Amino acid sequence: MGERVNVAVIGAGYWGKKIIEEYDRLSETTQNMSLSMICDVMDSNLQQCSQIFQVSSERLAKHYRTALQSGEINAVHICTPNETHYDICKEALNAGKHVLLEKPMALEAKQAWELVDIAESKGLCLQVGHIYRFNNALKMMRDRLRQGYFGSLYYLKLQWTTLMPSPLNRDIIFDLGPHPVDILNYLLDKWPVKVSCKARAYRRERLEELAYMTTEFDNRLMAHIELSWLQPGKIRDATIIGSERSAVIDCVGQSIRICENDDGDSFNLDVVRNNTILDETRHFVLSILGNENHNNPGSIGAKNVTILQKLKESLEYEKTVKVDLRELN
């Protein structure tokens, strides 16, 4: 593919600044890439980026189309609000840019698959911000699952909860749900065949702030996901229960606690913690350069949105919904 990657970050809010910081760090160690532009509609965000990252005014833009119209820039990382992802990504792909798009790809599965089709038709790299695919603790558990470390796998439980103001115009299923849904696919290398969901809004009239989601896989395997913006204390945990042993993974702290079923003995595994954002952005750049296989293809993101849409359907119709696996191929 190309010999150099010139990246523009579109959206310099809370998360965008974290992304910018890692591209800035990556550019110091990677000769054939640079952070070429930062785009944001708010002057205050651009000013902060200018001061923090010593970015010149020529590399700052209020409108993302400035980056899309640039002949120098060949890749964009989109960190804008969820409802804008589809439109901006579609424009970027049609402008010939490689894209790393924050989750969720879109608010409808049809739109997500359309983005995948555009990227494939133009030979462009499209990846999604499923950051936990680059988490060393989860990678260790993925490897051990493949080795049969837990014996027969019974079920998994993921808790993604914190106390915070509910984001405007966002429901918790599409906002927090992409992470645990993706972690399940990453760990198990499969998608559910049935899903069900119960959810409620408490501090406002609509848009759910709490959700309990059940995903059913083949061979009687189940997984339960709890999402909340109402519960004190930030928890990002994944629990794996098997016939021989179990594990509790702190997905942020990258720690793993193992419990043996035969004698109840428990111990921690040694995990070398990594910078997941840096590794995600590095993987994006290397994928464009052709030096590394895609471990985070856009199709994964589209399948994720498909599952989220099925969960919303279950909530709406108050029933378990089957997942047609042909929708995920």
C-alpha atoms as a PDB file:
ATOM      1  CA  MET A   1       0.000   0.000   0.000  1.00  0.00           C
ATOM      2  CA  GLY A   2       1.286   3.501   0.727  1.00  0.00           C
ATOM      3  CA  GLU A   3       4.803   4.329   1.866  1.00  0.00           C
ATOM      4  CA  ARG A   4       3.715   6.908   4.438  1.00  0.00           C
ATOM      5  CA  VAL A   5       0.687   7.407   6.671  1.00  0.00           C
ATOM      6  CA  ASN A   6      -0.428  10.973   7.386  1.00  0.00           C
ATOM      7  CA  VAL A   7      -3.246  10.877   9.943  1.00  0.00           C
ATOM      8  CA  ALA A   8      -5.905  13.436  10.796  1.00  0.00           C
ATOM      9  CA  VAL A   9      -7.859  13.056  14.022  1.00  0.00           C
ATOM     10  CA  ILE A  10     -11.427  14.265  13.662  1.00  0.00           C
ATOM     11  CA  GLY A  11     -12.876  15.187  17.049  1.00  0.00           C
ATOM     12  CA  ALA A  12     -10.697  16.500  19.882  1.00  0.00           C
ATOM     13  CA  GLY A  13     -12.964  16.085  22.881  1.00  0.00           C
ATOM     14  CA  TYR A  14     -12.215  13.926  25.944  1.00  0.00           C
ATOM     15  CA  TRP A  15     -11.523  10.737  23.981  1.00  0.00           C
ATOM     16  CA  GLY A  16     -10.108  12.486  20.940  1.00  0.00           C
ATOM     17  CA  LYS A  17      -7.345  14.061  23.040  1.00  0.00           C
ATOM     18  CA  LYS A  18      -6.338  10.601  24.290  1.00  0.00           C
ATOM     19  CA  ILE A  19      -6.145   9.397  20.696  1.00  0.00           C
ATOM     20  CA  ILE A  20      -4.162  12.476  19.618  1.00  0.00           C
ATOM     21  CA  GLU A  21      -1.672  11.912  22.430  1.00  0.00           C
ATOM     22  CA  GLU A  22      -0.920   8.390  21.199  1.00  0.00           C
ATOM     23  CA  TYR A  23      -0.536   9.416  17.546  1.00  0.00           C
ATOM     24  CA  ASP A  24       1.793  12.153  18.725  1.00  0.00           C
ATOM     25  CA  ARG A  25       3.811   9.570  20.682  1.00  0.00           C
ATOM     26  CA  LEU A  26       3.712   7.101  17.770  1.00  0.00           C
ATOM     27  CA  SER A  27       5.020   9.697  15.322  1.00  0.00           C
ATOM     28  CA  GLU A  28       8.167  10.048  17.450  1.00  0.00           C
ATOM     29  CA  THR A  29       9.057   6.370  16.962  1.00  0.00           C
ATOM     30  CA  THR A  30       7.658   5.709  13.485  1.00  0.00           C
ATOM     31  CA  GLN A  31       9.466   7.390  10.636  1.00  0.00           C
ATOM     32  CA  ASN A  32       6.812   6.787   8.006  1.00  0.00           C
ATOM     33  CA  MET A  33       3.806   8.292   9.808  1.00  0.00           C
ATOM     34  CA  SER A  34       2.783  11.656  11.181  1.00  0.00           C
ATOM     35  CA  LEU A  35      -0.111  13.341  12.948  1.00  0.00           C
ATOM     36  CA  SER A  36      -0.887  15.821  10.208  1.00  0.00           C
ATOM     37  CA  MET A  37      -4.115  17.523  11.289  1.00  0.00           C
ATOM     38  CA  ILE A  38      -6.579  17.875  14.168  1.00  0.00           C
ATOM     39  CA  CYS A  39     -10.185  18.826  13.429  1.00  0.00           C
ATOM     40  CA  ASP A  40     -12.819  19.991  15.907  1.00  0.00           C
ATOM     41  CA  VAL A  41     -15.761  22.375  15.783  1.00  0.00           C
ATOM     42  CA  MET A  42     -14.839  23.945  19.142  1.00  0.00           C
ATOM     43  CA  ASP A  43     -12.100  26.581  19.253  1.00  0.00           C
ATOM     44  CA  SER A  44     -11.342  25.690  22.883  1.00  0.00           C
ATOM     45  CA  ASN A  45     -10.502  22.088  21.980  1.00  0.00           C
ATOM     46  CA  LEU A  46      -8.210  23.195  19.160  1.00  0.00           C
ATOM     47  CA  GLN A  47      -6.477  25.705  21.422  1.00  0.00           C
ATOM     48  CA  GLN A  48      -5.887  23.044  24.069  1.00  0.00           C
ATOM     49  CA  CYS A  49      -4.422  20.704  21.460  1.00  0.00           C
ATOM     50  CA  SER A  50      -2.185  23.472  20.176  1.00  0.00           C
ATOM     51  CA  GLN A  51      -0.829  24.066  23.667  1.00  0.00           C
ATOM     52  CA  ILE A  52      -0.595  20.463  24.869  1.00  0.00           C
ATOM     53  CA  PHE A  53       0.812  18.886  21.712  1.00  0.00           C
ATOM     54  CA  GLN A  54       2.556  21.936  20.239  1.00  0.00           C
ATOM     55  CA  VAL A  55       0.498  21.738  17.067  1.00  0.00           C
ATOM     56  CA  SER A  56       0.862  24.670  14.673  1.00  0.00           C
ATOM     57  CA  SER A  57      -2.211  26.572  13.484  1.00  0.00           C
ATOM     58  CA  GLU A  58      -1.738  25.189   9.957  1.00  0.00           C
ATOM     59  CA  ARG A  59      -2.473  21.700  11.340  1.00  0.00           C
ATOM     60  CA  LEU A  60      -5.706  22.734  13.075  1.00  0.00           C
ATOM     61  CA  ALA A  61      -9.089  22.876  11.351  1.00  0.00           C
ATOM     62  CA  LYS A  62     -12.635  23.582  12.495  1.00  0.00           C
ATOM     63  CA  HIS A  63     -14.252  21.420   9.803  1.00  0.00           C
ATOM     64  CA  TYR A  64     -13.406  17.788   9.114  1.00  0.00           C
ATOM     65  CA  ARG A  65     -13.784  18.315   5.372  1.00  0.00           C
ATOM     66  CA  THR A  66     -10.520  20.265   5.469  1.00  0.00           C
ATOM     67  CA  ALA A  67      -8.795  16.954   6.213  1.00  0.00           C
ATOM     68  CA  LEU A  68     -10.858  15.034   3.666  1.00  0.00           C
ATOM     69  CA  GLN A  69      -9.960  17.529   0.939  1.00  0.00           C
ATOM     70  CA  SER A  70      -6.248  17.420   1.742  1.00  0.00           C
ATOM     71  CA  GLY A  71      -4.101  15.548  -0.740  1.00  0.00           C
ATOM     72  CA  GLU A  72      -1.469  15.000   1.937  1.00  0.00           C
ATOM     73  CA  ILE A  73      -3.696  13.206   4.452  1.00  0.00           C
ATOM     74  CA  ASN A  74      -4.473   9.589   3.633  1.00  0.00           C
ATOM     75  CA  ALA A  75      -5.920   8.344   6.940  1.00  0.00           C
ATOM     76  CA  VAL A  76      -8.385   9.656   9.517  1.00  0.00           C
ATOM     77  CA  HIS A  77      -9.338   8.596  13.026  1.00  0.00           C
ATOM     78  CA  ILE A  78     -12.922   9.649  13.758  1.00  0.00           C
ATOM     79  CA  CYS A  79     -13.682  10.504  17.415  1.00  0.00           C
ATOM     80  CA  THR A  80     -16.915  12.447  17.002  1.00  0.00           C
ATOM     81  CA  PRO A  81     -20.334  11.781  18.646  1.00  0.00           C
ATOM     82  CA  ASN A  82     -21.905   8.402  17.852  1.00  0.00           C
ATOM     83  CA  GLU A  83     -24.691   9.820  15.701  1.00  0.00           C
ATOM     84  CA  THR A  84     -22.140  11.390  13.324  1.00  0.00           C
ATOM     85  CA  HIS A  85     -19.987   8.298  12.764  1.00  0.00           C
ATOM     86  CA  TYR A  86     -21.756   6.957   9.696  1.00  0.00           C
ATOM     87  CA  ASP A  87     -21.932  10.227   7.748  1.00  0.00           C
ATOM     88  CA  ILE A  88     -18.340  11.309   8.418  1.00  0.00           C
ATOM     89  CA  CYS A  89     -16.916   7.845   7.794  1.00  0.00           C
ATOM     90  CA  LYS A  90     -18.814   7.509   4.523  1.00  0.00           C
ATOM     91  CA  GLU A  91     -17.466  10.853   3.351  1.00  0.00           C
ATOM     92  CA  ALA A  92     -13.946   9.908   4.382  1.00  0.00           C
ATOM     93  CA  LEU A  93     -14.030   6.575   2.558  1.00  0.00           C
ATOM     94  CA  ASN A  94     -15.466   8.184  -0.565  1.00  0.00           C
ATOM     95  CA  ALA A  95     -12.630  10.719  -0.350  1.00  0.00           C
ATOM     96  CA  GLY A  96     -10.169   7.816  -0.471  1.00  0.00           C
ATOM     97  CA  LYS A  97      -9.068   7.928   3.176  1.00  0.00           C
ATOM     98  CA  HIS A  98      -8.298   4.952   5.384  1.00  0.00           C
ATOM     99  CA  VAL A  99     -10.445   5.114   8.510  1.00  0.00           C
ATOM    100  CA  LEU A 100     -10.262   4.102  12.144  1.00  0.00           C
ATOM    101  CA  LEU A 101     -13.773   4.797  13.404  1.00  0.00           C
ATOM    102  CA  GLU A 102     -14.668   4.868  17.091  1.00  0.00           C
ATOM    103  CA  LYS A 103     -17.431   2.532  18.233  1.00  0.00           C
ATOM    104  CA  PRO A 104     -20.215   2.102  17.394  1.00  0.00           C
ATOM    105  CA  MET A 105     -19.640   2.272  13.641  1.00  0.00           C
ATOM    106  CA  ALA A 106     -23.209   3.417  13.099  1.00  0.00           C
ATOM    107  CA  LEU A 107     -26.574   3.372  14.825  1.00  0.00           C
ATOM    108  CA  GLU A 108     -28.028   0.924  12.294  1.00  0.00           C
ATOM    109  CA  ALA A 109     -26.582  -2.346  11.051  1.00  0.00           C
ATOM    110  CA  LYS A 110     -27.486  -1.486   7.456  1.00  0.00           C
ATOM    111  CA  GLN A 111     -25.330   1.627   7.625  1.00  0.00           C
ATOM    112  CA  ALA A 112     -22.423  -0.234   9.218  1.00  0.00           C
ATOM    113  CA  TRP A 113     -22.400  -2.858   6.477  1.00  0.00           C
ATOM    114  CA  GLU A 114     -22.583  -0.107   3.855  1.00  0.00           C
ATOM    115  CA  LEU A 115     -19.342   1.345   5.233  1.00  0.00           C
ATOM    116  CA  VAL A 116     -17.691  -2.078   5.051  1.00  0.00           C
ATOM    117  CA  ASP A 117     -18.784  -2.446   1.424  1.00  0.00           C
ATOM    118  CA  ILE A 118     -17.448   0.998   0.473  1.00  0.00           C
ATOM    119  CA  ALA A 119     -14.072   0.318   2.095  1.00  0.00           C
ATOM    120  CA  GLU A 120     -13.763  -3.050   0.370  1.00  0.00           C
ATOM    121  CA  SER A 121     -14.762  -1.649  -3.026  1.00  0.00           C
ATOM    122  CA  LYS A 122     -12.108   1.070  -2.751  1.00  0.00           C
ATOM    123  CA  GLY A 123      -9.386  -1.116  -1.246  1.00  0.00           C
ATOM    124  CA  LEU A 124      -9.250   0.998   1.909  1.00  0.00           C
ATOM    125  CA  CYS A 125      -8.481   0.013   5.471  1.00  0.00           C
ATOM    126  CA  LEU A 126     -11.502   0.366   7.750  1.00  0.00           C
ATOM    127  CA  GLN A 127     -11.089  -0.451  11.440  1.00  0.00           C
ATOM    128  CA  VAL A 128     -13.202   0.206  14.527  1.00  0.00           C
ATOM    129  CA  GLY A 129     -12.216   1.450  17.983  1.00  0.00           C
ATOM    130  CA  HIS A 130     -12.724  -1.843  19.827  1.00  0.00           C
ATOM    131  CA  ILE A 131      -9.908  -0.973  22.196  1.00  0.00           C
ATOM    132  CA  TYR A 132     -10.101  -4.118  24.312  1.00  0.00           C
ATOM    133  CA  ARG A 133      -8.888  -6.247  21.391  1.00  0.00           C
ATOM    134  CA  PHE A 134      -5.477  -4.793  22.260  1.00  0.00           C
ATOM    135  CA  ASN A 135      -5.655  -5.565  25.997  1.00  0.00           C
ATOM    136  CA  ASN A 136      -2.929  -7.952  27.205  1.00  0.00           C
ATOM    137  CA  ALA A 137      -5.046  -9.432  30.008  1.00  0.00           C
ATOM    138  CA  LEU A 138      -7.829 -10.315  27.595  1.00  0.00           C
ATOM    139  CA  LYS A 139      -5.298 -11.642  25.077  1.00  0.00           C
ATOM    140  CA  MET A 140      -3.929 -13.967  27.774  1.00  0.00           C
ATOM    141  CA  MET A 141      -7.434 -15.228  28.532  1.00  0.00           C
ATOM    142  CA  ARG A 142      -8.174 -15.674  24.838  1.00  0.00           C
ATOM    143  CA  ASP A 143      -5.068 -17.814  24.447  1.00  0.00           C
ATOM    144  CA  ARG A 144      -5.925 -19.898  27.523  1.00  0.00           C
ATOM    145  CA  LEU A 145      -9.475 -20.427  26.359  1.00  0.00           C
ATOM    146  CA  ARG A 146      -8.085 -21.906  23.156  1.00  0.00           C
ATOM    147  CA  GLN A 147      -5.847 -24.184  25.213  1.00  0.00           C
ATOM    148  CA  GLY A 148      -8.808 -25.533  27.215  1.00  0.00           C
ATOM    149  CA  TYR A 149      -7.464 -23.983  30.421  1.00  0.00           C
ATOM    150  CA  PHE A 150     -10.937 -23.636  31.990  1.00  0.00           C
ATOM    151  CA  GLY A 151     -12.156 -27.123  31.079  1.00  0.00           C
ATOM    152  CA  SER A 152     -15.690 -27.150  29.722  1.00  0.00           C
ATOM    153  CA  LEU A 153     -16.833 -23.567  29.402  1.00  0.00           C
ATOM    154  CA  TYR A 154     -20.052 -22.832  31.309  1.00  0.00           C
ATOM    155  CA  TYR A 155     -20.775 -19.130  31.086  1.00  0.00           C
ATOM    156  CA  LEU A 156     -19.313 -15.609  31.136  1.00  0.00           C
ATOM    157  CA  LYS A 157     -20.382 -12.465  32.936  1.00  0.00           C
ATOM    158  CA  LEU A 158     -19.376  -8.912  32.071  1.00  0.00           C
ATOM    159  CA  GLN A 159     -20.028  -5.890  34.267  1.00  0.00           C
ATOM    160  CA  TRP A 160     -19.623  -2.439  32.724  1.00  0.00           C
ATOM    161  CA  THR A 161     -20.923  -0.026  35.360  1.00  0.00           C
ATOM    162  CA  THR A 162     -20.186   3.401  36.793  1.00  0.00           C
ATOM    163  CA  LEU A 163     -21.941   6.429  38.273  1.00  0.00           C
ATOM    164  CA  MET A 164     -21.967   9.299  35.807  1.00  0.00           C
ATOM    165  CA  PRO A 165     -24.347  11.730  34.098  1.00  0.00           C
ATOM    166  CA  SER A 166     -26.083   9.989  31.232  1.00  0.00           C
ATOM    167  CA  PRO A 167     -24.727  11.313  27.923  1.00  0.00           C
ATOM    168  CA  LEU A 168     -27.182  13.436  25.977  1.00  0.00           C
ATOM    169  CA  ASN A 169     -28.955  11.699  23.099  1.00  0.00           C
ATOM    170  CA  ARG A 170     -27.339   8.323  23.876  1.00  0.00           C
ATOM    171  CA  ASP A 171     -28.730   5.066  25.210  1.00  0.00           C
ATOM    172  CA  ILE A 172     -26.463   2.774  27.177  1.00  0.00           C
ATOM    173  CA  ILE A 173     -26.888  -0.228  24.860  1.00  0.00           C
ATOM    174  CA  PHE A 174     -25.260   1.472  21.864  1.00  0.00           C
ATOM    175  CA  ASP A 175     -22.880   3.605  23.925  1.00  0.00           C
ATOM    176  CA  LEU A 176     -21.390   1.100  26.410  1.00  0.00           C
ATOM    177  CA  GLY A 177     -22.660  -2.131  24.886  1.00  0.00           C
ATOM    178  CA  PRO A 178     -20.150  -2.324  21.996  1.00  0.00           C
ATOM    179  CA  HIS A 179     -17.259  -3.059  24.378  1.00  0.00           C
ATOM    180  CA  PRO A 180     -18.612  -6.154  26.182  1.00  0.00           C
ATOM    181  CA  VAL A 181     -20.218  -7.495  22.998  1.00  0.00           C
ATOM    182  CA  ASP A 182     -16.867  -7.213  21.241  1.00  0.00           C
ATOM    183  CA  ILE A 183     -14.963  -8.724  24.177  1.00  0.00           C
ATOM    184  CA  LEU A 184     -17.203 -11.793  24.018  1.00  0.00           C
ATOM    185  CA  ASN A 185     -16.457 -12.219  20.320  1.00  0.00           C
ATOM    186  CA  TYR A 186     -12.748 -11.638  20.890  1.00  0.00           C
ATOM    187  CA  LEU A 187     -12.567 -14.230  23.678  1.00  0.00           C
ATOM    188  CA  LEU A 188     -14.851 -16.849  22.132  1.00  0.00           C
ATOM    189  CA  ASP A 189     -14.323 -16.242  18.404  1.00  0.00           C
ATOM    190  CA  LYS A 190     -18.045 -16.699  17.857  1.00  0.00           C
ATOM    191  CA  TRP A 191     -21.258 -14.701  17.827  1.00  0.00           C
ATOM    192  CA  PRO A 192     -24.457 -15.398  19.782  1.00  0.00           C
ATOM    193  CA  VAL A 193     -27.366 -17.253  18.216  1.00  0.00           C
ATOM    194  CA  LYS A 194     -29.942 -15.681  20.556  1.00  0.00           C
ATOM    195  CA  VAL A 195     -30.055 -12.457  22.557  1.00  0.00           C
ATOM    196  CA  SER A 196     -32.398 -10.889  25.090  1.00  0.00           C
ATOM    197  CA  CYS A 197     -32.400  -7.534  26.841  1.00  0.00           C
ATOM    198  CA  LYS A 198     -34.154  -5.690  29.639  1.00  0.00           C
ATOM    199  CA  ALA A 199     -33.355  -2.010  30.140  1.00  0.00           C
ATOM    200  CA  ARG A 200     -34.699   1.107  31.828  1.00  0.00           C
ATOM    201  CA  ALA A 201     -34.281   4.870  31.990  1.00  0.00           C
ATOM    202  CA  TYR A 202     -34.546   6.307  35.512  1.00  0.00           C
ATOM    203  CA  ARG A 203     -33.246   9.875  35.541  1.00  0.00           C
ATOM    204  CA  ARG A 204     -34.925  10.827  32.296  1.00  0.00           C
ATOM    205  CA  GLU A 205     -38.019   9.861  30.329  1.00  0.00           C
ATOM    206  CA  ARG A 206     -36.313   7.876  27.578  1.00  0.00           C
ATOM    207  CA  LEU A 207     -32.938   6.460  26.451  1.00  0.00           C
ATOM    208  CA  GLU A 208     -31.917   3.582  28.698  1.00  0.00           C
ATOM    209  CA  GLU A 209     -29.379   4.093  31.504  1.00  0.00           C
ATOM    210  CA  LEU A 210     -29.374   0.500  32.800  1.00  0.00           C
ATOM    211  CA  ALA A 211     -29.411  -2.739  30.803  1.00  0.00           C
ATOM    212  CA  TYR A 212     -29.228  -6.457  31.498  1.00  0.00           C
ATOM    213  CA  MET A 213     -28.371  -8.416  28.388  1.00  0.00           C
ATOM    214  CA  THR A 214     -28.144 -12.179  27.857  1.00  0.00           C
ATOM    215  CA  THR A 215     -26.396 -13.703  24.864  1.00  0.00           C
ATOM    216  CA  GLU A 216     -26.733 -17.397  24.052  1.00  0.00           C
ATOM    217  CA  PHE A 217     -24.151 -19.285  22.003  1.00  0.00           C
ATOM    218  CA  ASP A 218     -23.966 -22.856  20.785  1.00  0.00           C
ATOM    219  CA  ASN A 219     -23.199 -25.792  23.124  1.00  0.00           C
ATOM    220  CA  ARG A 220     -25.295 -24.288  25.971  1.00  0.00           C
ATOM    221  CA  LEU A 221     -22.794 -21.479  26.478  1.00  0.00           C
ATOM    222  CA  MET A 222     -24.287 -18.262  27.824  1.00  0.00           C
ATOM    223  CA  ALA A 223     -23.017 -14.804  28.720  1.00  0.00           C
ATOM    224  CA  HIS A 224     -24.615 -12.080  30.809  1.00  0.00           C
ATOM    225  CA  ILE A 225     -23.825  -8.367  30.454  1.00  0.00           C
ATOM    226  CA  GLU A 226     -24.719  -5.665  32.963  1.00  0.00           C
ATOM    227  CA  LEU A 227     -24.501  -2.023  31.901  1.00  0.00           C
ATOM    228  CA  SER A 228     -25.184   0.942  34.165  1.00  0.00           C
ATOM    229  CA  TRP A 229     -24.554   4.660  34.467  1.00  0.00           C
ATOM    230  CA  LEU A 230     -26.199   4.595  37.914  1.00  0.00           C
ATOM    231  CA  GLN A 231     -23.941   2.391  40.048  1.00  0.00           C
ATOM    232  CA  PRO A 232     -21.150   3.973  42.158  1.00  0.00           C
ATOM    233  CA  GLY A 233     -17.602   2.829  41.444  1.00  0.00           C
ATOM    234  CA  LYS A 234     -16.211   2.194  37.982  1.00  0.00           C
ATOM    235  CA  ILE A 235     -16.183  -1.530  37.162  1.00  0.00           C
ATOM    236  CA  ARG A 236     -15.004  -3.046  33.881  1.00  0.00           C
ATOM    237  CA  ASP A 237     -14.840  -6.748  34.720  1.00  0.00           C
ATOM    238  CA  ALA A 238     -15.165  -9.982  32.758  1.00  0.00           C
ATOM    239  CA  THR A 239     -15.720 -13.296  34.545  1.00  0.00           C
ATOM    240  CA  ILE A 240     -15.153 -16.685  32.935  1.00  0.00           C
ATOM    241  CA  ILE A 241     -16.665 -19.785  34.575  1.00  0.00           C
ATOM    242  CA  GLY A 242     -15.498 -23.257  33.560  1.00  0.00           C
ATOM    243  CA  SER A 243     -15.652 -26.818  34.851  1.00  0.00           C
ATOM    244  CA  GLU A 244     -12.047 -26.765  36.133  1.00  0.00           C
ATOM    245  CA  ARG A 245     -11.404 -23.144  37.075  1.00  0.00           C
ATOM    246  CA  SER A 246     -12.689 -19.620  36.773  1.00  0.00           C
ATOM    247  CA  ALA A 247     -11.199 -16.176  36.201  1.00  0.00           C
ATOM    248  CA  VAL A 248     -12.092 -12.586  37.004  1.00  0.00           C
ATOM    249  CA  ILE A 249     -10.437 -10.048  34.690  1.00  0.00           C
ATOM    250  CA  ASP A 250     -10.187  -6.361  35.535  1.00  0.00           C
ATOM    251  CA  CYS A 251     -10.210  -5.083  31.970  1.00  0.00           C
ATOM    252  CA  VAL A 252      -8.912  -1.608  32.867  1.00  0.00           C
ATOM    253  CA  GLY A 253      -6.321  -2.616  35.461  1.00  0.00           C
ATOM    254  CA  GLN A 254      -5.366  -5.643  33.318  1.00  0.00           C
ATOM    255  CA  SER A 255      -5.300  -7.983  36.313  1.00  0.00           C
ATOM    256  CA  ILE A 256      -6.492 -11.611  36.397  1.00  0.00           C
ATOM    257  CA  ARG A 257      -7.602 -13.612  39.433  1.00  0.00           C
ATOM    258  CA  ILE A 258      -7.850 -17.390  38.946  1.00  0.00           C
ATOM    259  CA  CYS A 259      -9.885 -19.707  41.195  1.00  0.00           C
ATOM    260  CA  GLU A 260      -9.368 -23.477  41.081  1.00  0.00           C
ATOM    261  CA  ASN A 261     -12.613 -25.408  41.392  1.00  0.00           C
ATOM    262  CA  ASP A 262     -11.171 -28.511  43.082  1.00  0.00           C
ATOM    263  CA  ASP A 263      -9.666 -26.903  46.190  1.00  0.00           C
ATOM    264  CA  GLY A 264     -10.842 -23.293  45.966  1.00  0.00           C
ATOM    265  CA  ASP A 265      -7.263 -22.013  45.746  1.00  0.00           C
ATOM    266  CA  SER A 266      -6.974 -18.605  44.100  1.00  0.00           C
ATOM    267  CA  PHE A 267      -4.036 -16.658  42.709  1.00  0.00           C
ATOM    268  CA  ASN A 268      -3.165 -13.830  40.353  1.00  0.00           C
ATOM    269  CA  LEU A 269      -1.622 -14.322  36.937  1.00  0.00           C
ATOM    270  CA  ASP A 270       1.262 -12.087  35.907  1.00  0.00           C
ATOM    271  CA  VAL A 271       0.119  -9.748  33.157  1.00  0.00           C
ATOM    272  CA  VAL A 272       2.405  -7.305  31.392  1.00  0.00           C
ATOM    273  CA  ARG A 273       0.127  -4.282  31.109  1.00  0.00           C
ATOM    274  CA  ASN A 274       0.157  -2.487  27.791  1.00  0.00           C
ATOM    275  CA  ASN A 275      -0.978   0.837  26.395  1.00  0.00           C
ATOM    276  CA  THR A 276      -4.032  -0.337  24.467  1.00  0.00           C
ATOM    277  CA  ILE A 277      -4.645   2.958  22.659  1.00  0.00           C
ATOM    278  CA  LEU A 278      -1.062   3.137  21.445  1.00  0.00           C
ATOM    279  CA  ASP A 279      -1.189  -0.471  20.264  1.00  0.00           C
ATOM    280  CA  GLU A 280      -4.516   0.118  18.507  1.00  0.00           C
ATOM    281  CA  THR A 281      -3.240   3.186  16.644  1.00  0.00           C
ATOM    282  CA  ARG A 282       0.025   1.438  15.790  1.00  0.00           C
ATOM    283  CA  HIS A 283      -1.906  -1.510  14.387  1.00  0.00           C
ATOM    284  CA  PHE A 284      -3.973   0.849  12.229  1.00  0.00           C
ATOM    285  CA  VAL A 285      -0.858   2.489  10.805  1.00  0.00           C
ATOM    286  CA  LEU A 286       0.894  -0.833  10.192  1.00  0.00           C
ATOM    287  CA  SER A 287      -2.210  -2.236   8.531  1.00  0.00           C
ATOM    288  CA  ILE A 288      -2.209   0.658   6.079  1.00  0.00           C
ATOM    289  CA  LEU A 289       1.489   0.158   5.401  1.00  0.00           C
ATOM    290  CA  GLY A 290       0.835  -3.529   4.789  1.00  0.00           C
ATOM    291  CA  ASN A 291       3.264  -4.702   7.463  1.00  0.00           C
ATOM    292  CA  GLU A 292       0.685  -6.431   9.657  1.00  0.00           C
ATOM    293  CA  ASN A 293      -2.530  -8.358   9.128  1.00  0.00           C
ATOM    294  CA  HIS A 294      -5.798  -6.748  10.111  1.00  0.00           C
ATOM    295  CA  ASN A 295      -6.787  -7.943  13.592  1.00  0.00           C
ATOM    296  CA  ASN A 296      -9.601  -5.431  13.774  1.00  0.00           C
ATOM    297  CA  PRO A 297     -11.464  -5.383  10.431  1.00  0.00           C
ATOM    298  CA  GLY A 298     -14.497  -3.213   9.816  1.00  0.00           C
ATOM    299  CA  SER A 299     -16.672  -6.297   9.381  1.00  0.00           C
ATOM    300  CA  ILE A 300     -16.202  -7.048  13.095  1.00  0.00           C
ATOM    301  CA  GLY A 301     -17.630  -3.623  13.889  1.00  0.00           C
ATOM    302  CA  ALA A 302     -20.596  -4.185  11.579  1.00  0.00           C
ATOM    303  CA  LYS A 303     -21.352  -7.539  13.222  1.00  0.00           C
ATOM    304  CA  ASN A 304     -21.148  -5.798  16.584  1.00  0.00           C
ATOM    305  CA  VAL A 305     -23.755  -3.242  15.509  1.00  0.00           C
ATOM    306  CA  THR A 306     -25.923  -6.074  14.201  1.00  0.00           C
ATOM    307  CA  ILE A 307     -25.916  -7.712  17.655  1.00  0.00           C
ATOM    308  CA  LEU A 308     -26.659  -4.370  19.342  1.00  0.00           C
ATOM    309  CA  GLN A 309     -29.597  -3.868  17.002  1.00  0.00           C
ATOM    310  CA  LYS A 310     -30.920  -7.333  17.888  1.00  0.00           C
ATOM    311  CA  LEU A 311     -30.646  -6.453  21.593  1.00  0.00           C
ATOM    312  CA  LYS A 312     -32.691  -3.300  20.989  1.00  0.00           C
ATOM    313  CA  GLU A 313     -35.227  -5.392  19.093  1.00  0.00           C
ATOM    314  CA  SER A 314     -35.475  -7.766  22.073  1.00  0.00           C
ATOM    315  CA  LEU A 315     -36.051  -4.805  24.366  1.00  0.00           C
ATOM    316  CA  GLU A 316     -38.730  -3.330  22.125  1.00  0.00           C
ATOM    317  CA  TYR A 317     -40.689  -6.540  21.612  1.00  0.00           C
ATOM    318  CA  GLU A 318     -39.974  -7.991  25.085  1.00  0.00           C
ATOM    319  CA  LYS A 319     -38.782 -11.342  23.785  1.00  0.00           C
ATOM    320  CA  THR A 320     -35.672 -13.340  23.020  1.00  0.00           C
ATOM    321  CA  VAL A 321     -34.497 -12.662  19.479  1.00  0.00           C
ATOM    322  CA  LYS A 322     -32.734 -15.136  17.218  1.00  0.00           C
ATOM    323  CA  VAL A 323     -29.614 -14.005  15.398  1.00  0.00           C
ATOM    324  CA  ASP A 324     -29.472 -15.170  11.790  1.00  0.00           C
ATOM    325  CA  LEU A 325     -25.785 -15.935  11.341  1.00  0.00           C
ATOM    326  CA  ARG A 326     -26.104 -15.117   7.647  1.00  0.00           C
ATOM    327  CA  GLU A 327     -26.497 -11.489   8.762  1.00  0.00           C
ATOM    328  CA  LEU A 328     -22.998 -11.715  10.243  1.00  0.00           C
ATOM    329  CA  ASN A 329     -21.246 -13.052   7.132  1.00  0.00           C
END
